[in-house]
Amino acid sequence: MQAEDLLSLTTRSMPFGKHKGMLICDLPGNYLNWFAREGFPPGEIGRLLQLMHELDHNGLTFLLDPIRKR
C-alpha cells in the first residue's frame, strides 16, 4: 500500500456493478465481503477494493476521514 492508494479510495468511483458510480470508500461492507469471497477483479480497481475491504473489516475506515475533508 502507498499513501496515494488512500487518496484513490476517496476519489475513485466504482466503474461497474450494483454500486457503479459510488466512491470506493463509500461501498457497503457486505459488497466488499462479497468480493473477498468471490475474488477481487484484476488490476488497480481490484487492488483498491481489497485495500478498502481490509480497512472496513478491521475497523480502520476512520483513517480516511482526514483525507475526505480535503
PDB file of N, CA and C in Angstrom:
ATOM      1  N   MET A   1       0.837  -1.174   0.000  1.00  0.00           N
ATOM      2  CA  MET A   1       0.000   0.000   0.000  1.00  0.00           C
ATOM      3  C   MET A   1       0.885   1.241   0.000  1.00  0.00           C
ATOM      4  N   GLN A   2       0.438   2.226  -0.749  1.00  0.00           N
ATOM      5  CA  GLN A   2       1.126   3.505  -0.793  1.00  0.00           C
ATOM      6  C   GLN A   2       0.151   4.583  -0.344  1.00  0.00           C
ATOM      7  N   ALA A   3       0.686   5.728   0.064  1.00  0.00           N
ATOM      8  CA  ALA A   3      -0.157   6.825   0.530  1.00  0.00           C
ATOM      9  C   ALA A   3      -1.159   7.245  -0.542  1.00  0.00           C
ATOM     10  N   GLU A   4      -0.771   7.180  -1.791  1.00  0.00           N
ATOM     11  CA  GLU A   4      -1.669   7.561  -2.887  1.00  0.00           C
ATOM     12  C   GLU A   4      -2.891   6.649  -2.956  1.00  0.00           C
ATOM     13  N   ASP A   5      -2.726   5.414  -2.490  1.00  0.00           N
ATOM     14  CA  ASP A   5      -3.846   4.472  -2.509  1.00  0.00           C
ATOM     15  C   ASP A   5      -4.984   4.952  -1.616  1.00  0.00           C
ATOM     16  N   LEU A   6      -4.651   5.520  -0.472  1.00  0.00           N
ATOM     17  CA  LEU A   6      -5.694   6.027   0.422  1.00  0.00           C
ATOM     18  C   LEU A   6      -6.442   7.182  -0.232  1.00  0.00           C
ATOM     19  N   LEU A   7      -5.726   8.039  -0.916  1.00  0.00           N
ATOM     20  CA  LEU A   7      -6.373   9.133  -1.646  1.00  0.00           C
ATOM     21  C   LEU A   7      -7.266   8.579  -2.751  1.00  0.00           C
ATOM     22  N   SER A   8      -6.793   7.568  -3.430  1.00  0.00           N
ATOM     23  CA  SER A   8      -7.586   6.961  -4.504  1.00  0.00           C
ATOM     24  C   SER A   8      -8.894   6.382  -3.985  1.00  0.00           C
ATOM     25  N   LEU A   9      -8.878   5.842  -2.786  1.00  0.00           N
ATOM     26  CA  LEU A   9     -10.112   5.288  -2.212  1.00  0.00           C
ATOM     27  C   LEU A   9     -11.189   6.354  -2.057  1.00  0.00           C
ATOM     28  N   THR A  10     -10.769   7.595  -1.837  1.00  0.00           N
ATOM     29  CA  THR A  10     -11.725   8.678  -1.607  1.00  0.00           C
ATOM     30  C   THR A  10     -12.064   9.463  -2.872  1.00  0.00           C
ATOM     31  N   THR A  11     -11.421   9.129  -3.990  1.00  0.00           N
ATOM     32  CA  THR A  11     -11.683   9.879  -5.222  1.00  0.00           C
ATOM     33  C   THR A  11     -12.129   9.003  -6.389  1.00  0.00           C
ATOM     34  N   ARG A  12     -11.828   7.720  -6.355  1.00  0.00           N
ATOM     35  CA  ARG A  12     -12.186   6.819  -7.463  1.00  0.00           C
ATOM     36  C   ARG A  12     -13.577   6.263  -7.269  1.00  0.00           C
ATOM     37  N   SER A  13     -14.312   6.195  -8.339  1.00  0.00           N
ATOM     38  CA  SER A  13     -15.657   5.640  -8.327  1.00  0.00           C
ATOM     39  C   SER A  13     -15.631   4.188  -8.786  1.00  0.00           C
ATOM     40  N   MET A  14     -16.584   3.437  -8.298  1.00  0.00           N
ATOM     41  CA  MET A  14     -16.748   2.055  -8.733  1.00  0.00           C
ATOM     42  C   MET A  14     -17.173   2.079 -10.199  1.00  0.00           C
ATOM     43  N   PRO A  15     -16.412   1.427 -11.087  1.00  0.00           N
ATOM     44  CA  PRO A  15     -16.692   1.547 -12.520  1.00  0.00           C
ATOM     45  C   PRO A  15     -17.760   0.593 -13.061  1.00  0.00           C
ATOM     46  N   PHE A  16     -18.241  -0.340 -12.247  1.00  0.00           N
ATOM     47  CA  PHE A  16     -19.193  -1.333 -12.751  1.00  0.00           C
ATOM     48  C   PHE A  16     -20.019  -1.879 -11.593  1.00  0.00           C
ATOM     49  N   GLY A  17     -21.023  -2.650 -11.946  1.00  0.00           N
ATOM     50  CA  GLY A  17     -21.792  -3.388 -10.958  1.00  0.00           C
ATOM     51  C   GLY A  17     -22.900  -2.605 -10.283  1.00  0.00           C
ATOM     52  N   LYS A  18     -23.424  -3.215  -9.254  1.00  0.00           N
ATOM     53  CA  LYS A  18     -24.566  -2.692  -8.500  1.00  0.00           C
ATOM     54  C   LYS A  18     -24.314  -1.291  -7.957  1.00  0.00           C
ATOM     55  N   HIS A  19     -23.107  -1.007  -7.574  1.00  0.00           N
ATOM     56  CA  HIS A  19     -22.765   0.279  -6.955  1.00  0.00           C
ATOM     57  C   HIS A  19     -21.934   1.169  -7.887  1.00  0.00           C
ATOM     58  N   LYS A  20     -22.153   1.019  -9.177  1.00  0.00           N
ATOM     59  CA  LYS A  20     -21.426   1.818 -10.172  1.00  0.00           C
ATOM     60  C   LYS A  20     -21.615   3.307  -9.866  1.00  0.00           C
ATOM     61  N   GLY A  21     -20.491   4.048  -9.879  1.00  0.00           N
ATOM     62  CA  GLY A  21     -20.520   5.487  -9.641  1.00  0.00           C
ATOM     63  C   GLY A  21     -20.304   5.884  -8.192  1.00  0.00           C
ATOM     64  N   MET A  22     -20.394   4.943  -7.258  1.00  0.00           N
ATOM     65  CA  MET A  22     -20.180   5.232  -5.838  1.00  0.00           C
ATOM     66  C   MET A  22     -18.682   5.249  -5.548  1.00  0.00           C
ATOM     67  N   LEU A  23     -18.252   6.178  -4.705  1.00  0.00           N
ATOM     68  CA  LEU A  23     -16.849   6.200  -4.310  1.00  0.00           C
ATOM     69  C   LEU A  23     -16.481   4.880  -3.638  1.00  0.00           C
ATOM     70  N   ILE A  24     -15.289   4.405  -3.891  1.00  0.00           N
ATOM     71  CA  ILE A  24     -14.861   3.128  -3.319  1.00  0.00           C
ATOM     72  C   ILE A  24     -14.913   3.168  -1.792  1.00  0.00           C
ATOM     73  N   CYS A  25     -14.565   4.301  -1.201  1.00  0.00           N
ATOM     74  CA  CYS A  25     -14.585   4.405   0.265  1.00  0.00           C
ATOM     75  C   CYS A  25     -16.004   4.354   0.833  1.00  0.00           C
ATOM     76  N   ASP A  26     -17.028   4.551   0.005  1.00  0.00           N
ATOM     77  CA  ASP A  26     -18.416   4.525   0.454  1.00  0.00           C
ATOM     78  C   ASP A  26     -19.124   3.206   0.172  1.00  0.00           C
ATOM     79  N   LEU A  27     -18.423   2.246  -0.413  1.00  0.00           N
ATOM     80  CA  LEU A  27     -19.053   0.956  -0.716  1.00  0.00           C
ATOM     81  C   LEU A  27     -19.427   0.235   0.572  1.00  0.00           C
ATOM     82  N   PRO A  28     -20.592  -0.409   0.590  1.00  0.00           N
ATOM     83  CA  PRO A  28     -21.004  -1.124   1.803  1.00  0.00           C
ATOM     84  C   PRO A  28     -20.122  -2.343   2.075  1.00  0.00           C
ATOM     85  N   GLY A  29     -19.978  -2.638   3.354  1.00  0.00           N
ATOM     86  CA  GLY A  29     -19.131  -3.753   3.775  1.00  0.00           C
ATOM     87  C   GLY A  29     -19.551  -5.083   3.183  1.00  0.00           C
ATOM     88  N   ASN A  30     -20.870  -5.315   3.055  1.00  0.00           N
ATOM     89  CA  ASN A  30     -21.298  -6.610   2.520  1.00  0.00           C
ATOM     90  C   ASN A  30     -20.900  -6.772   1.053  1.00  0.00           C
ATOM     91  N   TYR A  31     -20.814  -5.677   0.309  1.00  0.00           N
ATOM     92  CA  TYR A  31     -20.356  -5.723  -1.082  1.00  0.00           C
ATOM     93  C   TYR A  31     -18.859  -6.045  -1.132  1.00  0.00           C
ATOM     94  N   LEU A  32     -18.090  -5.411  -0.257  1.00  0.00           N
ATOM     95  CA  LEU A  32     -16.658  -5.696  -0.178  1.00  0.00           C
ATOM     96  C   LEU A  32     -16.419  -7.138   0.262  1.00  0.00           C
ATOM     97  N   ASN A  33     -17.243  -7.626   1.195  1.00  0.00           N
ATOM     98  CA  ASN A  33     -17.127  -9.017   1.642  1.00  0.00           C
ATOM     99  C   ASN A  33     -17.420  -9.990   0.501  1.00  0.00           C
ATOM    100  N   TRP A  34     -18.375  -9.635  -0.354  1.00  0.00           N
ATOM    101  CA  TRP A  34     -18.696 -10.484  -1.499  1.00  0.00           C
ATOM    102  C   TRP A  34     -17.469 -10.635  -2.401  1.00  0.00           C
ATOM    103  N   PHE A  35     -16.792  -9.520  -2.669  1.00  0.00           N
ATOM    104  CA  PHE A  35     -15.575  -9.596  -3.486  1.00  0.00           C
ATOM    105  C   PHE A  35     -14.513 -10.444  -2.797  1.00  0.00           C
ATOM    106  N   ALA A  36     -14.405 -10.316  -1.483  1.00  0.00           N
ATOM    107  CA  ALA A  36     -13.406 -11.108  -0.753  1.00  0.00           C
ATOM    108  C   ALA A  36     -13.693 -12.607  -0.898  1.00  0.00           C
ATOM    109  N   ARG A  37     -14.966 -12.975  -0.908  1.00  0.00           N
ATOM    110  CA  ARG A  37     -15.340 -14.388  -1.061  1.00  0.00           C
ATOM    111  C   ARG A  37     -15.193 -14.863  -2.507  1.00  0.00           C
ATOM    112  N   GLU A  38     -15.649 -14.051  -3.445  1.00  0.00           N
ATOM    113  CA  GLU A  38     -15.726 -14.464  -4.848  1.00  0.00           C
ATOM    114  C   GLU A  38     -14.468 -14.153  -5.652  1.00  0.00           C
ATOM    115  N   GLY A  39     -13.667 -13.230  -5.169  1.00  0.00           N
ATOM    116  CA  GLY A  39     -12.442 -12.849  -5.868  1.00  0.00           C
ATOM    117  C   GLY A  39     -12.497 -11.403  -6.327  1.00  0.00           C
ATOM    118  N   PHE A  40     -11.431 -10.684  -6.073  1.00  0.00           N
ATOM    119  CA  PHE A  40     -11.334  -9.293  -6.489  1.00  0.00           C
ATOM    120  C   PHE A  40     -10.984  -9.241  -7.970  1.00  0.00           C
ATOM    121  N   PRO A  41     -11.489  -8.232  -8.690  1.00  0.00           N
ATOM    122  CA  PRO A  41     -11.143  -8.119 -10.107  1.00  0.00           C
ATOM    123  C   PRO A  41      -9.658  -7.804 -10.272  1.00  0.00           C
ATOM    124  N   PRO A  42      -9.123  -8.062 -11.440  1.00  0.00           N
ATOM    125  CA  PRO A  42      -7.703  -7.765 -11.666  1.00  0.00           C
ATOM    126  C   PRO A  42      -7.456  -6.267 -11.777  1.00  0.00           C
ATOM    127  N   GLY A  43      -6.213  -5.888 -11.645  1.00  0.00           N
ATOM    128  CA  GLY A  43      -5.811  -4.505 -11.867  1.00  0.00           C
ATOM    129  C   GLY A  43      -5.977  -3.603 -10.663  1.00  0.00           C
ATOM    130  N   GLU A  44      -5.920  -2.308 -10.938  1.00  0.00           N
ATOM    131  CA  GLU A  44      -5.942  -1.303  -9.877  1.00  0.00           C
ATOM    132  C   GLU A  44      -7.244  -1.316  -9.089  1.00  0.00           C
ATOM    133  N   ILE A  45      -8.372  -1.465  -9.766  1.00  0.00           N
ATOM    134  CA  ILE A  45      -9.655  -1.476  -9.062  1.00  0.00           C
ATOM    135  C   ILE A  45      -9.695  -2.629  -8.065  1.00  0.00           C
ATOM    136  N   GLY A  46      -9.246  -3.786  -8.466  1.00  0.00           N
ATOM    137  CA  GLY A  46      -9.213  -4.932  -7.562  1.00  0.00           C
ATOM    138  C   GLY A  46      -8.328  -4.683  -6.355  1.00  0.00           C
ATOM    139  N   ARG A  47      -7.194  -4.061  -6.602  1.00  0.00           N
ATOM    140  CA  ARG A  47      -6.264  -3.754  -5.508  1.00  0.00           C
ATOM    141  C   ARG A  47      -6.888  -2.759  -4.536  1.00  0.00           C
ATOM    142  N   LEU A  48      -7.580  -1.739  -5.075  1.00  0.00           N
ATOM    143  CA  LEU A  48      -8.224  -0.750  -4.215  1.00  0.00           C
ATOM    144  C   LEU A  48      -9.396  -1.353  -3.446  1.00  0.00           C
ATOM    145  N   LEU A  49     -10.167  -2.218  -4.094  1.00  0.00           N
ATOM    146  CA  LEU A  49     -11.272  -2.887  -3.401  1.00  0.00           C
ATOM    147  C   LEU A  49     -10.744  -3.774  -2.277  1.00  0.00           C
ATOM    148  N   GLN A  50      -9.652  -4.438  -2.527  1.00  0.00           N
ATOM    149  CA  GLN A  50      -9.053  -5.290  -1.494  1.00  0.00           C
ATOM    150  C   GLN A  50      -8.571  -4.447  -0.314  1.00  0.00           C
ATOM    151  N   LEU A  51      -7.946  -3.314  -0.600  1.00  0.00           N
ATOM    152  CA  LEU A  51      -7.497  -2.416   0.461  1.00  0.00           C
ATOM    153  C   LEU A  51      -8.690  -1.892   1.251  1.00  0.00           C
ATOM    154  N   MET A  52      -9.747  -1.482   0.551  1.00  0.00           N
ATOM    155  CA  MET A  52     -10.925  -0.969   1.249  1.00  0.00           C
ATOM    156  C   MET A  52     -11.566  -2.052   2.103  1.00  0.00           C
ATOM    157  N   HIS A  53     -11.580  -3.275   1.604  1.00  0.00           N
ATOM    158  CA  HIS A  53     -12.105  -4.389   2.398  1.00  0.00           C
ATOM    159  C   HIS A  53     -11.293  -4.566   3.680  1.00  0.00           C
ATOM    160  N   GLU A  54      -9.987  -4.505   3.586  1.00  0.00           N
ATOM    161  CA  GLU A  54      -9.136  -4.651   4.774  1.00  0.00           C
ATOM    162  C   GLU A  54      -9.407  -3.543   5.782  1.00  0.00           C
ATOM    163  N   LEU A  55      -9.523  -2.315   5.299  1.00  0.00           N
ATOM    164  CA  LEU A  55      -9.812  -1.193   6.206  1.00  0.00           C
ATOM    165  C   LEU A  55     -11.166  -1.376   6.872  1.00  0.00           C
ATOM    166  N   ASP A  56     -12.171  -1.737   6.083  1.00  0.00           N
ATOM    167  CA  ASP A  56     -13.520  -1.920   6.620  1.00  0.00           C
ATOM    168  C   ASP A  56     -13.570  -3.088   7.602  1.00  0.00           C
ATOM    169  N   HIS A  57     -13.005  -4.201   7.213  1.00  0.00           N
ATOM    170  CA  HIS A  57     -13.035  -5.413   8.042  1.00  0.00           C
ATOM    171  C   HIS A  57     -12.333  -5.206   9.391  1.00  0.00           C
ATOM    172  N   ASN A  58     -11.285  -4.405   9.401  1.00  0.00           N
ATOM    173  CA  ASN A  58     -10.515  -4.185  10.625  1.00  0.00           C
ATOM    174  C   ASN A  58     -10.905  -2.913  11.367  1.00  0.00           C
ATOM    175  N   GLY A  59     -11.993  -2.274  10.953  1.00  0.00           N
ATOM    176  CA  GLY A  59     -12.475  -1.085  11.649  1.00  0.00           C
ATOM    177  C   GLY A  59     -11.561   0.119  11.523  1.00  0.00           C
ATOM    178  N   LEU A  60     -10.896   0.247  10.391  1.00  0.00           N
ATOM    179  CA  LEU A  60      -9.922   1.319  10.200  1.00  0.00           C
ATOM    180  C   LEU A  60     -10.381   2.386   9.210  1.00  0.00           C
ATOM    181  N   THR A  61     -11.661   2.431   8.897  1.00  0.00           N
ATOM    182  CA  THR A  61     -12.143   3.404   7.925  1.00  0.00           C
ATOM    183  C   THR A  61     -11.968   4.840   8.407  1.00  0.00           C
ATOM    184  N   PHE A  62     -11.831   5.028   9.723  1.00  0.00           N
ATOM    185  CA  PHE A  62     -11.596   6.371  10.256  1.00  0.00           C
ATOM    186  C   PHE A  62     -10.295   6.973   9.723  1.00  0.00           C
ATOM    187  N   LEU A  63      -9.383   6.147   9.253  1.00  0.00           N
ATOM    188  CA  LEU A  63      -8.133   6.652   8.679  1.00  0.00           C
ATOM    189  C   LEU A  63      -8.375   7.499   7.427  1.00  0.00           C
ATOM    190  N   LEU A  64      -9.512   7.309   6.799  1.00  0.00           N
ATOM    191  CA  LEU A  64      -9.835   8.065   5.587  1.00  0.00           C
ATOM    192  C   LEU A  64     -10.486   9.417   5.897  1.00  0.00           C
ATOM    193  N   ASP A  65     -10.937   9.622   7.118  1.00  0.00           N
ATOM    194  CA  ASP A  65     -11.645  10.866   7.467  1.00  0.00           C
ATOM    195  C   ASP A  65     -10.844  12.126   7.157  1.00  0.00           C
ATOM    196  N   PRO A  66      -9.575  12.236   7.535  1.00  0.00           N
ATOM    197  CA  PRO A  66      -8.825  13.454   7.213  1.00  0.00           C
ATOM    198  C   PRO A  66      -8.666  13.676   5.706  1.00  0.00           C
ATOM    199  N   ILE A  67      -8.601  12.616   4.950  1.00  0.00           N
ATOM    200  CA  ILE A  67      -8.445  12.720   3.503  1.00  0.00           C
ATOM    201  C   ILE A  67      -9.762  13.195   2.879  1.00  0.00           C
ATOM    202  N   ARG A  68     -10.864  12.698   3.370  1.00  0.00           N
ATOM    203  CA  ARG A  68     -12.190  13.071   2.852  1.00  0.00           C
ATOM    204  C   ARG A  68     -12.463  14.573   3.059  1.00  0.00           C
ATOM    205  N   LYS A  69     -11.958  15.126   4.128  1.00  0.00           N
ATOM    206  CA  LYS A  69     -12.260  16.518   4.474  1.00  0.00           C
ATOM    207  C   LYS A  69     -11.533  17.523   3.607  1.00  0.00           C
ATOM    208  N   ARG A  70     -10.583  17.053   2.793  1.00  0.00           N
ATOM    209  CA  ARG A  70      -9.849  17.989   1.920  1.00  0.00           C
ATOM    210  C   ARG A  70     -10.680  18.400   0.755  1.00  0.00           C
TER     211      ARG A  70
END
